[in-house]
N, C-alpha and C. Protein backbone atom coordinates (compact mmCIF):
# COMPACT_ATOMS: atom_id res chain seq x y z
N UNK A 1 0.83 -1.16 0.00
CA UNK A 1 0.00 0.00 0.00
C UNK A 1 0.89 1.24 0.00
N UNK A 2 0.46 2.27 -0.73
CA UNK A 2 1.24 3.48 -0.88
C UNK A 2 0.86 4.46 0.23
N UNK A 3 1.88 5.14 0.74
CA UNK A 3 1.65 6.14 1.79
C UNK A 3 1.35 7.48 1.13
N UNK A 4 0.18 8.02 1.36
CA UNK A 4 -0.24 9.30 0.79
C UNK A 4 -0.20 10.44 1.82
N UNK A 5 0.51 10.25 2.90
CA UNK A 5 0.50 11.27 3.95
C UNK A 5 1.08 12.59 3.47
N UNK A 6 2.11 12.58 2.62
CA UNK A 6 2.68 13.81 2.10
C UNK A 6 1.69 14.58 1.25
N UNK A 7 0.90 13.84 0.46
CA UNK A 7 -0.07 14.49 -0.40
C UNK A 7 -1.21 15.09 0.44
N UNK A 8 -1.65 14.40 1.45
CA UNK A 8 -2.71 14.92 2.32
C UNK A 8 -2.24 16.13 3.10
N UNK A 9 -0.99 16.11 3.54
CA UNK A 9 -0.45 17.24 4.29
C UNK A 9 -0.37 18.48 3.40
N UNK A 10 0.05 18.34 2.16
CA UNK A 10 0.12 19.46 1.23
C UNK A 10 -1.26 20.03 0.99
N UNK A 11 -2.25 19.17 0.80
CA UNK A 11 -3.63 19.62 0.61
C UNK A 11 -4.15 20.33 1.84
N UNK A 12 -3.80 19.83 3.01
CA UNK A 12 -4.23 20.44 4.26
C UNK A 12 -3.62 21.84 4.41
N UNK A 13 -2.32 21.99 4.12
CA UNK A 13 -1.64 23.28 4.23
C UNK A 13 -2.25 24.28 3.25
N UNK A 14 -2.51 23.85 2.01
CA UNK A 14 -3.11 24.74 1.02
C UNK A 14 -4.51 25.15 1.45
N UNK A 15 -5.27 24.21 1.95
CA UNK A 15 -6.63 24.51 2.42
C UNK A 15 -6.58 25.47 3.60
N UNK A 16 -5.66 25.25 4.50
CA UNK A 16 -5.52 26.12 5.67
C UNK A 16 -5.11 27.54 5.25
N UNK A 17 -4.19 27.62 4.28
CA UNK A 17 -3.73 28.91 3.79
C UNK A 17 -4.90 29.69 3.16
N UNK A 18 -5.72 29.01 2.37
CA UNK A 18 -6.89 29.64 1.76
C UNK A 18 -7.87 30.13 2.83
N UNK A 19 -8.06 29.33 3.86
CA UNK A 19 -8.96 29.71 4.94
C UNK A 19 -8.45 30.96 5.65
N UNK A 20 -7.15 31.00 5.93
CA UNK A 20 -6.56 32.15 6.62
C UNK A 20 -6.67 33.40 5.75
N UNK A 21 -6.37 33.30 4.45
CA UNK A 21 -6.50 34.44 3.55
C UNK A 21 -7.94 34.90 3.46
N UNK A 22 -8.86 33.97 3.40
CA UNK A 22 -10.29 34.32 3.33
C UNK A 22 -10.75 35.03 4.59
N UNK A 23 -10.32 34.51 5.75
CA UNK A 23 -10.70 35.14 7.02
C UNK A 23 -10.08 36.53 7.12
N UNK A 24 -8.84 36.68 6.65
CA UNK A 24 -8.18 38.00 6.68
C UNK A 24 -8.90 39.00 5.78
N UNK A 25 -9.28 38.54 4.59
CA UNK A 25 -10.01 39.43 3.66
C UNK A 25 -11.36 39.82 4.25
N UNK A 26 -12.05 38.87 4.87
CA UNK A 26 -13.35 39.19 5.47
C UNK A 26 -13.18 40.19 6.62
N UNK A 27 -12.15 40.02 7.43
CA UNK A 27 -11.90 40.95 8.54
C UNK A 27 -11.56 42.34 8.01
N UNK A 28 -10.77 42.40 6.96
CA UNK A 28 -10.42 43.70 6.37
C UNK A 28 -11.66 44.39 5.81
N UNK A 29 -12.50 43.64 5.11
CA UNK A 29 -13.73 44.22 4.56
C UNK A 29 -14.64 44.71 5.68
N UNK A 30 -14.74 43.94 6.76
CA UNK A 30 -15.55 44.36 7.90
C UNK A 30 -14.98 45.63 8.53
N UNK A 31 -13.66 45.71 8.65
CA UNK A 31 -13.02 46.90 9.21
C UNK A 31 -13.27 48.13 8.37
N UNK A 32 -13.13 48.01 7.06
CA UNK A 32 -13.38 49.14 6.16
C UNK A 32 -14.85 49.55 6.24
N UNK A 33 -15.73 48.58 6.22
CA UNK A 33 -17.16 48.88 6.30
C UNK A 33 -17.52 49.59 7.60
N UNK A 34 -16.95 49.13 8.69
CA UNK A 34 -17.21 49.74 9.99
C UNK A 34 -16.68 51.18 10.01
N UNK A 35 -15.49 51.40 9.47
CA UNK A 35 -14.91 52.75 9.45
C UNK A 35 -15.77 53.70 8.61
N UNK A 36 -16.19 53.23 7.46
CA UNK A 36 -17.03 54.07 6.60
C UNK A 36 -18.34 54.40 7.30
N UNK A 37 -18.95 53.39 7.91
CA UNK A 37 -20.21 53.60 8.62
C UNK A 37 -20.02 54.55 9.79
N UNK A 38 -18.95 54.36 10.56
CA UNK A 38 -18.74 55.15 11.77
C UNK A 38 -18.42 56.60 11.45
N UNK A 39 -17.67 56.86 10.39
CA UNK A 39 -17.24 58.22 10.10
C UNK A 39 -18.10 58.93 9.06
N UNK A 40 -19.18 58.34 8.66
CA UNK A 40 -20.12 59.01 7.78
C UNK A 40 -21.10 59.79 8.64
N UNK A 41 -21.22 61.10 8.41
CA UNK A 41 -22.17 61.87 9.23
C UNK A 41 -23.57 61.29 9.13
N UNK A 42 -24.27 61.31 10.23
CA UNK A 42 -25.63 60.79 10.27
C UNK A 42 -26.61 61.88 9.87
N UNK A 43 -27.74 61.45 9.42
CA UNK A 43 -28.78 62.41 9.02
C UNK A 43 -29.36 63.07 10.26
N UNK A 44 -29.70 64.33 10.12
CA UNK A 44 -30.36 65.07 11.19
C UNK A 44 -31.56 65.77 10.58
N UNK A 45 -32.40 66.26 11.43
CA UNK A 45 -33.55 67.00 10.93
C UNK A 45 -33.05 68.31 10.33
N UNK A 46 -33.22 68.46 9.04
CA UNK A 46 -32.76 69.65 8.33
C UNK A 46 -33.78 70.75 8.51
N UNK A 47 -33.77 71.36 9.67
CA UNK A 47 -34.80 72.32 9.97
C UNK A 47 -34.22 73.55 10.64
N UNK A 48 -34.88 74.66 10.42
CA UNK A 48 -34.45 75.91 11.03
C UNK A 48 -34.71 75.91 12.54
N UNK A 49 -35.40 74.91 13.05
CA UNK A 49 -35.67 74.85 14.48
C UNK A 49 -34.65 74.01 15.23
N UNK A 50 -33.55 73.66 14.59
CA UNK A 50 -32.52 72.85 15.25
C UNK A 50 -31.98 73.62 16.46
N UNK A 51 -31.67 72.93 17.54
CA UNK A 51 -31.17 73.61 18.75
C UNK A 51 -29.90 74.44 18.55
N UNK A 52 -29.17 74.22 17.46
CA UNK A 52 -27.96 75.00 17.23
C UNK A 52 -28.25 76.50 17.23
N UNK A 53 -29.43 76.88 16.76
CA UNK A 53 -29.75 78.30 16.64
C UNK A 53 -30.02 78.98 17.98
N UNK A 54 -30.20 78.20 19.04
CA UNK A 54 -30.40 78.79 20.37
C UNK A 54 -29.11 78.80 21.20
N UNK A 55 -28.03 78.27 20.65
CA UNK A 55 -26.75 78.20 21.37
C UNK A 55 -26.04 79.55 21.38
N UNK A 56 -25.20 79.73 22.39
CA UNK A 56 -24.31 80.88 22.43
C UNK A 56 -23.01 80.45 23.10
N UNK A 57 -21.91 81.10 22.68
CA UNK A 57 -20.58 80.72 23.13
C UNK A 57 -19.76 81.98 23.40
N UNK A 58 -18.81 81.85 24.30
CA UNK A 58 -17.87 82.94 24.53
C UNK A 58 -16.83 82.93 23.41
N UNK A 59 -16.46 84.11 22.94
CA UNK A 59 -15.41 84.21 21.93
C UNK A 59 -14.06 84.34 22.65
N UNK A 60 -12.96 84.16 21.94
CA UNK A 60 -11.65 84.30 22.58
C UNK A 60 -11.41 85.68 23.20
N UNK A 61 -12.07 86.71 22.69
CA UNK A 61 -11.89 88.06 23.26
C UNK A 61 -12.95 88.40 24.30
N UNK A 62 -13.74 87.42 24.73
CA UNK A 62 -14.69 87.63 25.81
C UNK A 62 -16.08 88.08 25.41
N UNK A 63 -16.34 88.24 24.12
CA UNK A 63 -17.68 88.60 23.65
C UNK A 63 -18.58 87.36 23.65
N UNK A 64 -19.84 87.55 23.36
CA UNK A 64 -20.78 86.43 23.24
C UNK A 64 -21.12 86.23 21.76
N UNK A 65 -20.96 85.02 21.29
CA UNK A 65 -21.31 84.64 19.93
C UNK A 65 -22.65 83.92 20.00
N UNK A 66 -23.68 84.54 19.45
CA UNK A 66 -25.03 83.97 19.46
C UNK A 66 -25.30 83.36 18.09
N UNK A 67 -25.58 82.07 18.07
CA UNK A 67 -25.82 81.39 16.79
C UNK A 67 -27.06 81.95 16.10
N UNK A 68 -28.03 82.44 16.86
CA UNK A 68 -29.24 83.01 16.26
C UNK A 68 -28.92 84.20 15.35
N UNK A 69 -27.80 84.88 15.62
CA UNK A 69 -27.40 86.02 14.80
C UNK A 69 -26.99 85.60 13.38
N UNK A 70 -26.79 84.31 13.17
CA UNK A 70 -26.33 83.82 11.87
C UNK A 70 -27.43 83.16 11.05
N UNK A 71 -28.65 83.19 11.55
CA UNK A 71 -29.78 82.66 10.79
C UNK A 71 -30.13 83.61 9.66
N UNK A 72 -30.66 83.05 8.59
CA UNK A 72 -31.15 83.87 7.49
C UNK A 72 -30.16 84.03 6.35
N UNK A 73 -28.93 83.57 6.52
CA UNK A 73 -27.92 83.59 5.46
C UNK A 73 -27.21 82.24 5.47
N UNK A 74 -26.62 81.84 4.34
CA UNK A 74 -25.87 80.58 4.34
C UNK A 74 -24.75 80.63 5.37
N UNK A 75 -24.57 79.52 6.08
CA UNK A 75 -23.57 79.44 7.14
C UNK A 75 -22.76 78.16 7.03
N UNK A 76 -21.45 78.31 7.10
CA UNK A 76 -20.53 77.18 7.23
C UNK A 76 -20.12 77.15 8.70
N UNK A 77 -20.50 76.10 9.41
CA UNK A 77 -20.17 75.94 10.83
C UNK A 77 -19.11 74.86 10.94
N UNK A 78 -17.93 75.26 11.41
CA UNK A 78 -16.77 74.36 11.46
C UNK A 78 -16.39 74.09 12.92
N UNK A 79 -16.29 72.80 13.26
CA UNK A 79 -15.83 72.37 14.58
C UNK A 79 -14.35 72.02 14.45
N UNK A 80 -13.52 72.58 15.33
CA UNK A 80 -12.08 72.40 15.22
C UNK A 80 -11.43 72.36 16.59
N UNK A 81 -10.13 72.08 16.62
CA UNK A 81 -9.35 72.12 17.86
C UNK A 81 -7.91 72.47 17.52
N UNK A 82 -7.21 73.08 18.45
CA UNK A 82 -5.82 73.49 18.23
C UNK A 82 -4.90 72.28 18.09
N UNK A 83 -5.25 71.16 18.68
CA UNK A 83 -4.42 69.96 18.65
C UNK A 83 -4.71 69.08 17.44
N UNK A 84 -5.58 69.51 16.54
CA UNK A 84 -6.01 68.74 15.38
C UNK A 84 -5.31 69.28 14.12
N UNK A 85 -4.26 68.60 13.61
CA UNK A 85 -3.54 69.12 12.44
C UNK A 85 -4.42 69.43 11.23
N UNK A 86 -5.37 68.56 10.81
CA UNK A 86 -6.19 68.94 9.66
C UNK A 86 -7.06 70.17 9.93
N UNK A 87 -7.48 70.34 11.18
CA UNK A 87 -8.28 71.52 11.54
C UNK A 87 -7.46 72.78 11.34
N UNK A 88 -6.26 72.78 11.88
CA UNK A 88 -5.37 73.94 11.80
C UNK A 88 -5.01 74.21 10.34
N UNK A 89 -4.81 73.15 9.57
CA UNK A 89 -4.43 73.30 8.16
C UNK A 89 -5.53 73.94 7.32
N UNK A 90 -6.80 73.68 7.65
CA UNK A 90 -7.88 74.23 6.83
C UNK A 90 -8.29 75.65 7.22
N UNK A 91 -7.86 76.13 8.37
CA UNK A 91 -8.27 77.47 8.83
C UNK A 91 -7.88 78.60 7.87
N UNK A 92 -6.65 78.63 7.32
CA UNK A 92 -6.34 79.71 6.36
C UNK A 92 -7.23 79.67 5.12
N UNK A 93 -7.58 78.48 4.64
CA UNK A 93 -8.47 78.37 3.49
C UNK A 93 -9.86 78.90 3.86
N UNK A 94 -10.35 78.57 5.05
CA UNK A 94 -11.65 79.08 5.49
C UNK A 94 -11.62 80.60 5.63
N UNK A 95 -10.51 81.13 6.12
CA UNK A 95 -10.40 82.57 6.28
C UNK A 95 -10.43 83.26 4.91
N UNK A 96 -9.70 82.72 3.94
CA UNK A 96 -9.70 83.29 2.59
C UNK A 96 -11.10 83.19 1.97
N UNK A 97 -11.76 82.07 2.18
CA UNK A 97 -13.13 81.89 1.67
C UNK A 97 -14.06 82.92 2.30
N UNK A 98 -13.96 83.10 3.60
CA UNK A 98 -14.81 84.06 4.31
C UNK A 98 -14.57 85.48 3.79
N UNK A 99 -13.31 85.88 3.66
CA UNK A 99 -12.99 87.23 3.19
C UNK A 99 -13.58 87.48 1.80
N UNK A 100 -13.52 86.48 0.94
CA UNK A 100 -14.02 86.63 -0.42
C UNK A 100 -15.55 86.61 -0.50
N UNK A 101 -16.19 85.82 0.35
CA UNK A 101 -17.62 85.57 0.18
C UNK A 101 -18.52 86.21 1.23
N UNK A 102 -17.98 86.77 2.29
CA UNK A 102 -18.81 87.44 3.30
C UNK A 102 -19.61 88.60 2.68
N UNK A 103 -19.01 89.38 1.77
CA UNK A 103 -19.81 90.46 1.17
C UNK A 103 -21.01 89.94 0.36
N UNK A 104 -20.94 88.67 -0.05
CA UNK A 104 -22.04 88.06 -0.82
C UNK A 104 -23.04 87.37 0.09
N UNK A 105 -22.83 87.45 1.41
CA UNK A 105 -23.78 86.88 2.36
C UNK A 105 -23.44 85.52 2.91
N UNK A 106 -22.30 84.94 2.52
CA UNK A 106 -21.91 83.64 3.06
C UNK A 106 -21.13 83.84 4.36
N UNK A 107 -21.53 83.12 5.39
CA UNK A 107 -20.95 83.27 6.71
C UNK A 107 -20.12 82.04 7.08
N UNK A 108 -19.12 82.27 7.91
CA UNK A 108 -18.30 81.19 8.46
C UNK A 108 -18.21 81.42 9.96
N UNK A 109 -18.45 80.37 10.73
CA UNK A 109 -18.28 80.40 12.18
C UNK A 109 -17.52 79.13 12.57
N UNK A 110 -16.53 79.28 13.43
CA UNK A 110 -15.78 78.14 13.93
C UNK A 110 -16.06 77.96 15.41
N UNK A 111 -16.26 76.73 15.82
CA UNK A 111 -16.44 76.41 17.24
C UNK A 111 -15.31 75.50 17.68
N UNK A 112 -14.52 75.97 18.64
CA UNK A 112 -13.36 75.23 19.12
C UNK A 112 -13.77 74.24 20.21
N UNK A 113 -13.42 72.99 19.97
CA UNK A 113 -13.64 71.92 20.95
C UNK A 113 -12.29 71.78 21.67
N UNK A 114 -12.02 72.69 22.58
CA UNK A 114 -10.68 72.80 23.13
C UNK A 114 -10.71 73.62 24.41
N UNK A 115 -9.59 73.70 25.07
CA UNK A 115 -9.45 74.52 26.27
C UNK A 115 -9.40 75.99 25.85
N UNK A 116 -10.14 76.88 26.54
CA UNK A 116 -10.13 78.30 26.17
C UNK A 116 -8.73 78.91 26.10
N UNK A 117 -7.85 78.55 27.04
CA UNK A 117 -6.49 79.13 27.03
C UNK A 117 -5.73 78.71 25.78
N UNK A 118 -5.90 77.48 25.34
CA UNK A 118 -5.22 77.00 24.13
C UNK A 118 -5.76 77.73 22.90
N UNK A 119 -7.06 77.96 22.85
CA UNK A 119 -7.67 78.66 21.72
C UNK A 119 -7.17 80.10 21.67
N UNK A 120 -7.13 80.77 22.82
CA UNK A 120 -6.66 82.16 22.86
C UNK A 120 -5.21 82.27 22.39
N UNK A 121 -4.34 81.36 22.87
CA UNK A 121 -2.94 81.37 22.46
C UNK A 121 -2.82 81.13 20.95
N UNK A 122 -3.58 80.18 20.44
CA UNK A 122 -3.53 79.86 19.01
C UNK A 122 -3.94 81.06 18.17
N UNK A 123 -5.04 81.70 18.53
CA UNK A 123 -5.56 82.83 17.73
C UNK A 123 -4.63 84.04 17.83
N UNK A 124 -3.91 84.18 18.93
CA UNK A 124 -2.91 85.26 19.01
C UNK A 124 -1.79 85.03 17.99
N UNK A 125 -1.39 83.75 17.82
CA UNK A 125 -0.32 83.41 16.88
C UNK A 125 -0.81 83.35 15.43
N UNK A 126 -2.02 82.86 15.23
CA UNK A 126 -2.55 82.66 13.88
C UNK A 126 -3.99 83.19 13.82
N UNK A 127 -4.16 84.50 13.77
CA UNK A 127 -5.52 85.06 13.79
C UNK A 127 -6.26 84.78 12.47
N UNK A 128 -7.56 84.75 12.57
CA UNK A 128 -8.43 84.68 11.38
C UNK A 128 -9.59 85.62 11.61
N UNK A 129 -10.21 86.06 10.52
CA UNK A 129 -11.20 87.12 10.59
C UNK A 129 -12.61 86.68 10.94
N UNK A 130 -12.97 85.46 10.64
CA UNK A 130 -14.35 85.04 10.90
C UNK A 130 -14.55 84.72 12.38
N UNK A 131 -15.79 84.76 12.84
CA UNK A 131 -16.09 84.55 14.26
C UNK A 131 -15.75 83.13 14.73
N UNK A 132 -15.28 83.06 15.96
CA UNK A 132 -14.97 81.77 16.58
C UNK A 132 -15.50 81.77 18.00
N UNK A 133 -16.12 80.67 18.37
CA UNK A 133 -16.60 80.50 19.73
C UNK A 133 -15.86 79.36 20.40
N UNK A 134 -15.79 79.43 21.70
CA UNK A 134 -15.13 78.37 22.47
C UNK A 134 -16.22 77.46 23.03
N UNK A 135 -16.39 76.33 22.38
CA UNK A 135 -17.49 75.43 22.71
C UNK A 135 -17.11 74.39 23.76
N UNK A 136 -15.83 74.12 23.93
CA UNK A 136 -15.41 73.11 24.90
C UNK A 136 -16.06 71.77 24.65
N UNK A 137 -16.23 70.98 25.70
CA UNK A 137 -16.83 69.65 25.55
C UNK A 137 -18.30 69.72 25.14
N UNK A 138 -18.99 70.79 25.49
CA UNK A 138 -20.39 70.94 25.07
C UNK A 138 -20.48 71.00 23.55
N UNK A 139 -19.41 71.49 22.91
CA UNK A 139 -19.38 71.53 21.45
C UNK A 139 -19.40 70.15 20.83
N UNK A 140 -18.83 69.17 21.52
CA UNK A 140 -18.87 67.80 21.02
C UNK A 140 -20.30 67.29 20.96
N UNK A 141 -21.07 67.61 21.98
CA UNK A 141 -22.48 67.19 21.99
C UNK A 141 -23.28 67.90 20.91
N UNK A 142 -22.98 69.18 20.69
CA UNK A 142 -23.65 69.92 19.62
C UNK A 142 -23.29 69.30 18.26
N UNK A 143 -22.01 68.98 18.07
CA UNK A 143 -21.59 68.35 16.81
C UNK A 143 -22.29 67.02 16.61
N UNK A 144 -22.45 66.25 17.68
CA UNK A 144 -23.17 64.97 17.57
C UNK A 144 -24.62 65.21 17.17
N UNK A 145 -25.24 66.25 17.71
CA UNK A 145 -26.64 66.54 17.36
C UNK A 145 -26.77 66.99 15.91
N UNK A 146 -25.64 67.40 15.32
CA UNK A 146 -25.63 67.82 13.92
C UNK A 146 -25.14 66.71 12.98
N UNK A 147 -24.97 65.50 13.52
CA UNK A 147 -24.64 64.35 12.67
C UNK A 147 -23.26 63.77 12.86
N UNK A 148 -22.46 64.29 13.77
CA UNK A 148 -21.11 63.79 13.99
C UNK A 148 -21.12 62.72 15.08
N UNK A 149 -21.68 61.56 14.76
CA UNK A 149 -21.82 60.49 15.75
C UNK A 149 -20.48 60.00 16.26
N UNK A 150 -19.43 60.04 15.43
CA UNK A 150 -18.11 59.54 15.82
C UNK A 150 -17.35 60.54 16.69
N UNK A 151 -17.73 61.81 16.65
CA UNK A 151 -17.03 62.82 17.44
C UNK A 151 -15.70 63.22 16.86
N UNK A 152 -15.47 62.96 15.57
CA UNK A 152 -14.20 63.30 14.93
C UNK A 152 -14.10 64.76 14.56
N UNK A 153 -12.86 65.21 14.36
CA UNK A 153 -12.58 66.58 13.93
C UNK A 153 -11.62 66.55 12.77
N UNK A 154 -11.66 67.53 11.91
CA UNK A 154 -12.64 68.60 11.83
C UNK A 154 -13.99 68.08 11.33
N UNK A 155 -15.02 68.81 11.67
CA UNK A 155 -16.38 68.48 11.25
C UNK A 155 -17.05 69.78 10.84
N UNK A 156 -17.66 69.78 9.67
CA UNK A 156 -18.27 70.99 9.13
C UNK A 156 -19.70 70.73 8.73
N UNK A 157 -20.57 71.68 9.05
CA UNK A 157 -21.97 71.61 8.65
C UNK A 157 -22.24 72.84 7.79
N UNK A 158 -22.81 72.61 6.60
CA UNK A 158 -23.17 73.67 5.68
C UNK A 158 -24.67 73.90 5.81
N UNK A 159 -25.07 75.09 6.22
CA UNK A 159 -26.48 75.44 6.36
C UNK A 159 -26.91 76.32 5.18
N UNK A 160 -28.11 76.09 4.70
CA UNK A 160 -28.72 76.98 3.71
C UNK A 160 -29.25 78.22 4.43
N UNK A 161 -29.64 79.21 3.67
CA UNK A 161 -30.16 80.46 4.25
C UNK A 161 -31.41 80.23 5.10
N UNK A 162 -32.18 79.19 4.79
CA UNK A 162 -33.40 78.91 5.56
C UNK A 162 -33.11 78.15 6.85
N UNK A 163 -31.84 77.89 7.15
CA UNK A 163 -31.48 77.19 8.38
C UNK A 163 -31.42 75.68 8.24
N UNK A 164 -31.77 75.16 7.08
CA UNK A 164 -31.70 73.72 6.86
C UNK A 164 -30.26 73.31 6.55
N UNK A 165 -29.95 72.07 6.79
CA UNK A 165 -28.61 71.55 6.54
C UNK A 165 -28.52 71.10 5.08
N UNK A 166 -27.54 71.65 4.38
CA UNK A 166 -27.29 71.24 3.00
C UNK A 166 -26.39 70.02 2.98
N UNK A 167 -25.33 70.03 3.81
CA UNK A 167 -24.37 68.94 3.81
C UNK A 167 -23.56 68.97 5.09
N UNK A 168 -23.05 67.79 5.47
CA UNK A 168 -22.12 67.67 6.59
C UNK A 168 -20.85 67.05 6.04
N UNK A 169 -19.72 67.43 6.58
CA UNK A 169 -18.45 66.87 6.13
C UNK A 169 -17.59 66.52 7.32
N UNK A 170 -17.24 65.24 7.40
CA UNK A 170 -16.28 64.77 8.41
C UNK A 170 -14.91 64.80 7.75
N UNK A 171 -13.96 65.45 8.38
CA UNK A 171 -12.62 65.50 7.83
C UNK A 171 -12.32 66.86 7.23
N UNK A 172 -11.10 66.99 6.75
CA UNK A 172 -10.61 68.26 6.26
C UNK A 172 -11.34 68.70 5.00
N UNK A 173 -11.71 69.98 4.97
CA UNK A 173 -12.38 70.56 3.81
C UNK A 173 -11.40 70.75 2.66
N UNK A 174 -11.94 70.72 1.46
CA UNK A 174 -11.18 71.00 0.25
C UNK A 174 -11.85 72.18 -0.46
N UNK A 175 -11.12 72.79 -1.38
CA UNK A 175 -11.68 73.91 -2.15
C UNK A 175 -12.95 73.48 -2.89
N UNK A 176 -12.98 72.24 -3.37
CA UNK A 176 -14.16 71.75 -4.09
C UNK A 176 -15.40 71.73 -3.20
N UNK A 177 -15.22 71.42 -1.90
CA UNK A 177 -16.36 71.44 -0.97
C UNK A 177 -16.94 72.85 -0.89
N UNK A 178 -16.08 73.83 -0.81
CA UNK A 178 -16.53 75.22 -0.69
C UNK A 178 -17.20 75.70 -1.98
N UNK A 179 -16.61 75.34 -3.13
CA UNK A 179 -17.22 75.73 -4.41
C UNK A 179 -18.60 75.10 -4.59
N UNK A 180 -18.72 73.84 -4.21
CA UNK A 180 -20.02 73.15 -4.34
C UNK A 180 -21.07 73.83 -3.47
N UNK A 181 -20.69 74.22 -2.26
CA UNK A 181 -21.63 74.89 -1.37
C UNK A 181 -22.04 76.25 -1.92
N UNK A 182 -21.07 76.98 -2.46
CA UNK A 182 -21.40 78.28 -3.06
C UNK A 182 -22.45 78.11 -4.17
N UNK A 183 -22.27 77.09 -4.97
CA UNK A 183 -23.22 76.83 -6.06
C UNK A 183 -24.58 76.42 -5.57
N UNK A 184 -24.63 75.67 -4.47
CA UNK A 184 -25.91 75.17 -3.95
C UNK A 184 -26.63 76.20 -3.09
N UNK A 185 -25.88 77.08 -2.45
CA UNK A 185 -26.48 78.00 -1.48
C UNK A 185 -26.95 79.31 -2.11
N UNK A 186 -26.74 79.49 -3.38
CA UNK A 186 -27.13 80.76 -4.00
C UNK A 186 -28.55 80.70 -4.51
């Protein structure tokens, strides 16, 4: 009788290798799917009665920033932090956008999810012209109510003039995002 143990062992190793590769591919697909699901902004009621319009925050210079003052015109609301590199990187682009489009009625407001002292130091070093409020940890809850279930930064909500939400963006803004909003909000 012939011994086939070598042939069976080779088949077993190949079968095991296929199983491991298959399990790895399934785990990778599950991980990607979970990340996409987790970091995709959730839908919110696109209404002018959203609680965001009743909020108010202290500004770095001690004034009060009332969100109700920004109703009636298109608004880009950006959540950021001094410790967030993509947040810091997009601020000059937002400032340039604001300077160019504020005369046309487009507004930009930034809410810092950070320590007030860190925000004040940052703005002293790198000032920008559009309004900024210090939202602290309460800002995280506000961002969640606007669709940021993951709590990631930067997070931006684009409001139409009627107070409804046009779009939410998790992650760093690009010039194309701003151009698309300009086209949709006019």
